[in-house]
Structures are given as structure tokens and as C-alpha cells.
Amino acid sequence: MTGPLLKKLADYTRTHFVEEEKMMAAANYPRLSEHQAKQRELMKHVDAYALRFEHGEATLNLHLMNFLRDWLTTHILKVDHQYGRCLNEHGIK
């Protein structure tokens, strides 16, 4: 059960990032490339972990769950907040 859940999380995160980046591009968000780099870095870590998990080299553990929680909390509360105003000014909500 854990494997499919991890894959769903990774797929959802990737889809969310693509949609988020489309909105930022439509609003000409000036820090888009910086934002994309941060998202690519997270996905690189998640994909590497998922691959290790698939090969039986890793398990879901508290460390991973804390990493994801902390990253997503920081991302939503700080990083996403930065571009929110720009999107709103361009009529994107």
C-alpha cells in the first residue's frame, strides 16, 4: 500500500507544480525560474527516494514524512505566498 501512495503523492506534486508554473508564467512572475529550480530540486529528491523504495533500499519513515511536511509547509506558507500577490494583480486566483 505504501508504494502506490508514494507514487500518487509524487504524481500529484508534479501535476500541482506544472499548473502552478503555468499560472506564474501567465502573470509574468519575475521569480519563475527560481521557483522552478526549487520545485525541480524537491522532485529530484522525491523521485530518488521513490526509486530507492521500489528497489527495496528504503522504507517510508518518520524522517521522510517530516522532510515532506516541512518542505511543503515552507513552500506553501513562504514561497507560494510570494507569488500570490503577483497572480492576483493579473487576475489569476
Protein backbone atom coordinates (compact mmCIF):
# COMPACT_ATOMS: atom_id res chain seq x y z
CA MET A 1 0.00 0.00 0.00
CA THR A 2 2.83 2.39 0.76
CA GLY A 3 4.36 2.22 -2.72
CA PRO A 4 1.21 3.32 -4.57
CA LEU A 5 0.64 6.09 -2.03
CA LEU A 6 4.17 7.43 -2.52
CA LYS A 7 3.71 7.32 -6.30
CA LYS A 8 0.38 9.16 -6.01
CA LEU A 9 2.00 11.83 -3.86
CA ALA A 10 4.83 12.30 -6.35
CA ASP A 11 2.43 12.42 -9.31
CA TYR A 12 0.13 14.90 -7.60
CA THR A 13 3.04 17.12 -6.59
CA ARG A 14 4.41 17.12 -10.13
CA THR A 15 0.97 17.99 -11.58
CA HIS A 16 0.49 20.74 -8.98
CA PHE A 17 3.88 22.24 -9.83
CA VAL A 18 3.14 22.25 -13.58
CA GLU A 19 -0.18 24.04 -13.04
CA GLU A 20 1.40 26.48 -10.60
CA GLU A 21 4.14 27.32 -13.09
CA LYS A 22 1.58 27.93 -15.85
CA MET A 23 -0.17 30.48 -13.65
CA MET A 24 3.11 32.18 -12.78
CA ALA A 25 4.10 32.34 -16.45
CA ALA A 26 0.71 33.86 -17.36
CA ALA A 27 1.31 36.56 -14.71
CA ASN A 28 4.91 37.14 -15.85
CA TYR A 29 6.08 36.32 -12.35
CA PRO A 30 9.67 37.66 -12.20
CA ARG A 31 11.00 34.86 -9.98
CA LEU A 32 9.56 31.98 -12.02
CA SER A 33 12.89 30.39 -12.89
CA GLU A 34 13.98 30.49 -9.23
CA HIS A 35 10.68 28.89 -8.20
CA GLN A 36 11.02 26.20 -10.86
CA ALA A 37 14.54 25.38 -9.66
CA LYS A 38 13.26 24.86 -6.10
CA GLN A 39 10.49 22.60 -7.34
CA ARG A 40 12.85 20.59 -9.54
CA GLU A 41 15.14 20.09 -6.55
CA LEU A 42 12.28 18.72 -4.44
CA MET A 43 11.09 16.41 -7.21
CA LYS A 44 14.65 15.15 -7.68
CA HIS A 45 14.70 14.12 -4.01
CA VAL A 46 11.22 12.59 -4.13
CA ASP A 47 11.94 10.67 -7.34
CA ALA A 48 15.25 9.35 -5.98
CA TYR A 49 13.54 8.23 -2.80
CA ALA A 50 10.68 6.58 -4.71
CA LEU A 51 13.20 4.68 -6.85
CA ARG A 52 15.09 3.52 -3.76
CA PHE A 53 11.77 2.48 -2.22
CA GLU A 54 10.81 0.49 -5.34
CA HIS A 55 14.11 -1.37 -5.18
CA GLY A 56 13.65 -2.20 -1.51
CA GLU A 57 16.50 0.08 -0.48
CA ALA A 58 14.36 2.48 1.57
CA THR A 59 11.22 2.49 3.65
CA LEU A 60 8.75 5.18 4.49
CA ASN A 61 9.86 6.55 7.79
CA LEU A 62 9.41 9.48 10.09
CA HIS A 63 12.42 11.26 8.60
CA LEU A 64 10.89 11.27 5.11
CA MET A 65 7.46 12.28 6.37
CA ASN A 66 8.97 15.15 8.38
CA PHE A 67 11.02 16.27 5.38
CA LEU A 68 7.95 16.37 3.14
CA ARG A 69 5.82 18.08 5.78
CA ASP A 70 8.45 20.72 6.46
CA TRP A 71 9.18 21.34 2.79
CA LEU A 72 5.53 21.61 1.82
CA THR A 73 4.72 23.83 4.81
CA THR A 74 7.61 26.14 3.97
CA HIS A 75 6.70 26.07 0.29
CA ILE A 76 3.05 26.91 0.87
CA LEU A 77 3.46 29.46 3.65
CA LYS A 78 6.50 31.28 2.31
CA VAL A 79 7.27 30.57 -1.32
CA ASP A 80 3.69 30.35 -2.64
CA HIS A 81 2.78 33.43 -0.63
CA GLN A 82 5.45 35.39 -2.54
CA TYR A 83 3.85 34.86 -5.93
CA GLY A 84 0.23 35.07 -4.75
CA ARG A 85 0.09 38.85 -4.91
CA CYS A 86 1.54 38.91 -8.43
CA LEU A 87 -1.04 36.40 -9.65
CA ASN A 88 -3.89 38.31 -8.02
CA GLU A 89 -2.73 41.54 -9.65
CA HIS A 90 -3.00 39.78 -13.02
CA GLY A 91 -6.49 38.45 -12.29
CA ILE A 92 -5.36 34.90 -11.54
CA LYS A 93 -6.79 33.43 -8.36
